[in-house]
Amino acid sequence: IWHVDDMLSAAGHEVSRRWSKLLVQRWEQLEAGAGRGDAKKEVSWGSGGTLTEADMERRFLRRECLADFERQQDIAALIGFARRSAHDDWDHVEVVRLCEKYGRWREALTAAQAAHKQNPKSHLAEEALLRCYERDGWDEEAFALRKQRFWNHTRPDEWRALLEVAEAAKQDLPALRCEAEAMLIERESRPAPLRGWLHGYQRETGPVVSQRVQWLLLEN
């Protein structure tokens, strides 16, 4: 089976030019609503997910258009199209990735900020923004975001990452440790989560201290 790149390379410049023109025309038609797949019919996507037939067609055509701009080495057009055609979290983070791939660091940061602003709950957008902040030396902004992440997900890896960026941002580490411990203690006083059906949907008795114990082990 031949890859598109191989076929176009073998076919020559004129065929490649026509292929590019055809992709642009098809994209314009799709965005105008012409010849779209079923907007209600769902098809499998990824690991257990689904997309509508129309969204699937749009995703595949967008991918072909991006690949064609890369083939032409038209980086400005590539990033411009990626930004204009971004539809969901994956697409917006792909804009960041493309900017990074071609050394457009300022554009990558701007794209990451826009993606995070559009969907602050997106883990993908948050990861992209943190990567940009930490790479570009935005230590205070990275610290604020890392702290929020640890408060939301009190995992060991998040605490280690928070300490690292806190040191870079010249934060008061003893004060941060006191604040983190106070937060964990306060959460112990909250009603415990309901246990599963194997336990008859009963609540844990007494404070749930596992998170603080795990944190203390890291600290010592």
Protein backbone atom coordinates (compact mmCIF):
# COMPACT_ATOMS: atom_id res chain seq x y z
CA ILE A 1 0.00 0.00 0.00
CA TRP A 2 1.43 3.35 -1.04
CA HIS A 3 1.51 6.30 1.32
CA VAL A 4 0.11 9.61 0.03
CA ASP A 5 3.54 11.26 0.31
CA ASP A 6 5.13 8.53 -1.79
CA MET A 7 2.42 8.68 -4.44
CA LEU A 8 2.61 12.46 -4.78
CA SER A 9 6.39 12.38 -4.90
CA ALA A 10 6.27 9.81 -7.70
CA ALA A 11 3.51 11.64 -9.59
CA GLY A 12 5.33 14.95 -9.80
CA HIS A 13 4.73 18.64 -9.08
CA GLU A 14 1.60 19.12 -11.19
CA VAL A 15 -0.29 16.27 -9.54
CA SER A 16 0.80 17.52 -6.10
CA ARG A 17 -0.47 21.00 -6.99
CA ARG A 18 -3.84 19.61 -8.09
CA TRP A 19 -4.07 17.50 -4.95
CA SER A 20 -3.50 20.56 -2.78
CA LYS A 21 -6.15 22.50 -4.67
CA LEU A 22 -8.59 19.60 -4.33
CA LEU A 23 -8.07 19.43 -0.57
CA VAL A 24 -8.69 23.16 -0.17
CA GLN A 25 -11.87 22.95 -2.27
CA ARG A 26 -13.14 19.94 -0.32
CA TRP A 27 -12.42 21.69 2.99
CA GLU A 28 -14.32 24.79 1.90
CA GLN A 29 -17.26 22.63 0.82
CA LEU A 30 -17.23 20.75 4.11
CA GLU A 31 -17.16 23.95 6.17
CA ALA A 32 -20.03 25.29 4.09
CA GLY A 33 -22.01 22.16 4.94
CA ALA A 34 -21.96 20.57 1.50
CA GLY A 35 -21.49 16.82 1.17
CA ARG A 36 -21.07 16.22 4.87
CA GLY A 37 -21.60 12.85 6.48
CA ASP A 38 -24.49 12.13 8.80
CA ALA A 39 -24.41 14.62 11.70
CA LYS A 40 -26.26 12.14 13.95
CA LYS A 41 -24.81 8.77 13.00
CA GLU A 42 -21.99 7.84 15.40
CA VAL A 43 -18.89 5.84 14.56
CA SER A 44 -16.17 4.41 16.80
CA TRP A 45 -13.18 6.62 17.53
CA GLY A 46 -10.10 6.03 19.64
CA SER A 47 -10.26 3.75 22.66
CA GLY A 48 -13.96 3.31 23.16
CA GLY A 49 -15.00 6.83 22.10
CA THR A 50 -17.40 7.86 19.37
CA LEU A 51 -17.74 10.73 16.90
CA THR A 52 -20.50 11.59 14.49
CA GLU A 53 -19.87 10.61 10.88
CA ALA A 54 -19.66 14.32 9.96
CA ASP A 55 -17.09 15.05 12.67
CA MET A 56 -15.04 12.04 11.67
CA GLU A 57 -14.94 13.20 8.05
CA ARG A 58 -13.94 16.69 9.16
CA ARG A 59 -11.18 15.33 11.39
CA PHE A 60 -9.68 13.17 8.64
CA LEU A 61 -9.83 15.95 6.04
CA ARG A 62 -8.26 18.42 8.46
CA ARG A 63 -5.42 15.98 9.04
CA GLU A 64 -4.85 15.63 5.27
CA CYS A 65 -4.81 19.42 4.84
CA LEU A 66 -2.27 19.83 7.64
CA ALA A 67 -0.09 17.11 6.13
CA ASP A 68 -0.28 18.82 2.74
CA PHE A 69 0.86 22.19 4.13
CA GLU A 70 3.77 20.41 5.82
CA ARG A 71 4.63 18.70 2.55
CA GLN A 72 4.81 22.11 0.91
CA GLN A 73 6.91 23.43 3.83
CA ASP A 74 4.55 26.39 4.03
CA ILE A 75 4.79 26.76 7.81
CA ALA A 76 2.87 30.04 8.05
CA ALA A 77 -0.03 28.53 6.11
CA LEU A 78 0.20 25.33 8.15
CA ILE A 79 -0.09 27.07 11.52
CA GLY A 80 -2.68 29.53 10.23
CA PHE A 81 -4.90 26.71 8.97
CA ALA A 82 -4.40 24.69 12.17
CA ARG A 83 -5.49 27.69 14.23
CA ARG A 84 -8.51 28.57 12.04
CA SER A 85 -9.74 24.99 11.84
CA ALA A 86 -9.27 24.12 15.53
CA HIS A 87 -12.51 22.65 16.82
CA ASP A 88 -11.81 20.90 20.12
CA ASP A 89 -9.11 20.49 22.78
CA TRP A 90 -7.08 18.09 20.66
CA ASP A 91 -7.04 20.54 17.75
CA HIS A 92 -6.08 23.55 19.88
CA VAL A 93 -3.23 21.66 21.54
CA GLU A 94 -2.07 20.53 18.09
CA VAL A 95 -1.61 24.21 17.21
CA VAL A 96 0.74 24.48 20.20
CA ARG A 97 2.61 21.35 19.13
CA LEU A 98 3.09 22.62 15.56
CA CYS A 99 4.37 25.99 16.77
CA GLU A 100 6.85 24.18 19.02
CA LYS A 101 7.90 21.83 16.23
CA TYR A 102 8.92 24.75 14.05
CA GLY A 103 10.47 26.86 16.80
CA ARG A 104 7.69 29.44 17.04
CA TRP A 105 7.87 29.65 20.80
CA ARG A 106 5.95 32.90 21.30
CA GLU A 107 3.10 31.65 19.09
CA ALA A 108 3.13 28.36 21.01
CA LEU A 109 2.65 30.19 24.30
CA THR A 110 -0.14 32.36 22.87
CA ALA A 111 -1.88 29.29 21.47
CA ALA A 112 -1.56 27.43 24.79
CA GLN A 113 -2.99 30.40 26.71
CA ALA A 114 -5.91 30.60 24.29
CA ALA A 115 -6.58 26.85 24.56
CA HIS A 116 -6.55 26.97 28.36
CA LYS A 117 -8.77 30.06 28.44
CA GLN A 118 -11.30 28.36 26.19
CA ASN A 119 -11.46 25.27 28.38
CA PRO A 120 -9.78 25.68 31.79
CA LYS A 121 -10.80 22.13 32.74
CA SER A 122 -8.95 20.56 29.83
CA HIS A 123 -6.02 18.47 31.03
CA LEU A 124 -4.50 18.62 27.53
CA ALA A 125 -4.61 22.42 27.41
CA GLU A 126 -3.26 22.68 30.95
CA GLU A 127 -0.33 20.38 30.15
CA ALA A 128 0.50 22.42 27.05
CA LEU A 129 0.36 25.70 28.95
CA LEU A 130 2.55 24.37 31.77
CA ARG A 131 5.09 23.13 29.24
CA CYS A 132 5.25 26.60 27.67
CA TYR A 133 5.42 28.44 31.00
CA GLU A 134 8.20 26.23 32.35
CA ARG A 135 10.20 26.29 29.12
CA ASP A 136 9.93 30.06 28.65
CA GLY A 137 10.71 30.97 32.26
CA TRP A 138 7.24 32.14 33.31
CA ASP A 139 7.97 30.81 36.80
CA GLU A 140 5.26 32.63 38.76
CA GLU A 141 2.55 31.65 36.29
CA ALA A 142 3.80 28.06 36.27
CA PHE A 143 3.81 28.02 40.08
CA ALA A 144 0.20 29.25 40.27
CA LEU A 145 -0.95 26.58 37.82
CA ARG A 146 1.08 23.80 39.47
CA LYS A 147 -0.31 24.76 42.87
CA GLN A 148 -3.87 24.61 41.54
CA ARG A 149 -3.14 21.18 40.07
CA PHE A 150 -1.82 19.84 43.37
CA TRP A 151 -4.82 21.22 45.24
CA ASN A 152 -7.05 19.41 42.73
CA HIS A 153 -4.98 16.21 42.50
CA THR A 154 -2.87 15.58 45.59
CA ARG A 155 -0.59 13.02 43.96
CA PRO A 156 3.11 12.58 44.75
CA ASP A 157 4.20 13.50 41.22
CA GLU A 158 2.18 16.73 41.39
CA TRP A 159 3.79 17.67 44.72
CA ARG A 160 7.31 17.07 43.38
CA ALA A 161 6.55 19.17 40.29
CA LEU A 162 5.08 21.93 42.48
CA LEU A 163 8.19 22.05 44.69
CA GLU A 164 10.46 22.25 41.66
CA VAL A 165 8.63 25.20 40.11
CA ALA A 166 8.16 26.86 43.53
CA GLU A 167 11.92 26.88 43.95
CA ALA A 168 12.39 28.36 40.47
CA ALA A 169 9.81 31.05 41.30
CA LYS A 170 11.63 31.80 44.60
CA GLN A 171 8.57 30.95 46.69
CA ASP A 172 8.66 30.47 50.47
CA LEU A 173 8.94 26.66 50.60
CA PRO A 174 8.31 26.26 54.38
CA ALA A 175 5.15 28.39 54.03
CA LEU A 176 4.04 26.32 51.04
CA ARG A 177 4.52 23.09 53.02
CA CYS A 178 2.45 24.51 55.91
CA GLU A 179 -0.28 25.57 53.52
CA ALA A 180 -0.34 22.16 51.82
CA GLU A 181 -0.52 20.30 55.14
CA ALA A 182 -3.32 22.59 56.37
CA MET A 183 -5.25 21.88 53.16
CA LEU A 184 -4.85 18.12 53.60
CA ILE A 185 -5.92 18.28 57.25
CA GLU A 186 -8.99 20.32 56.33
CA ARG A 187 -9.98 17.75 53.75
CA GLU A 188 -9.76 14.99 56.35
CA SER A 189 -12.63 16.66 58.21
CA ARG A 190 -14.94 16.42 55.21
CA PRO A 191 -17.47 13.56 54.92
CA ALA A 192 -15.74 10.47 53.59
CA PRO A 193 -16.72 9.26 50.11
CA LEU A 194 -19.29 6.52 49.75
CA ARG A 195 -17.71 3.08 49.33
CA GLY A 196 -18.75 0.78 46.50
CA TRP A 197 -21.41 -1.91 46.29
CA LEU A 198 -19.06 -4.56 47.70
CA HIS A 199 -19.24 -2.69 51.00
CA GLY A 200 -22.96 -2.04 50.88
CA TYR A 201 -22.47 1.62 49.88
CA GLN A 202 -21.19 2.52 53.34
CA ARG A 203 -19.07 5.52 54.21
CA GLU A 204 -15.60 5.18 55.69
CA THR A 205 -15.61 5.74 59.45
CA GLY A 206 -13.21 8.35 60.81
CA PRO A 207 -10.99 10.73 58.85
CA VAL A 208 -9.38 9.57 55.62
CA VAL A 209 -5.70 10.33 56.24
CA SER A 210 -4.12 8.39 53.38
CA GLN A 211 -3.34 11.48 51.31
CA ARG A 212 -1.60 13.26 54.20
CA VAL A 213 0.34 10.11 55.16
CA GLN A 214 1.52 9.79 51.57
CA TRP A 215 2.53 13.45 51.53
CA LEU A 216 4.37 13.18 54.86
CA LEU A 217 6.30 10.18 53.58
CA LEU A 218 7.42 12.25 50.62
CA GLU A 219 8.48 15.09 52.89
CA ASN A 220 10.48 12.82 55.18
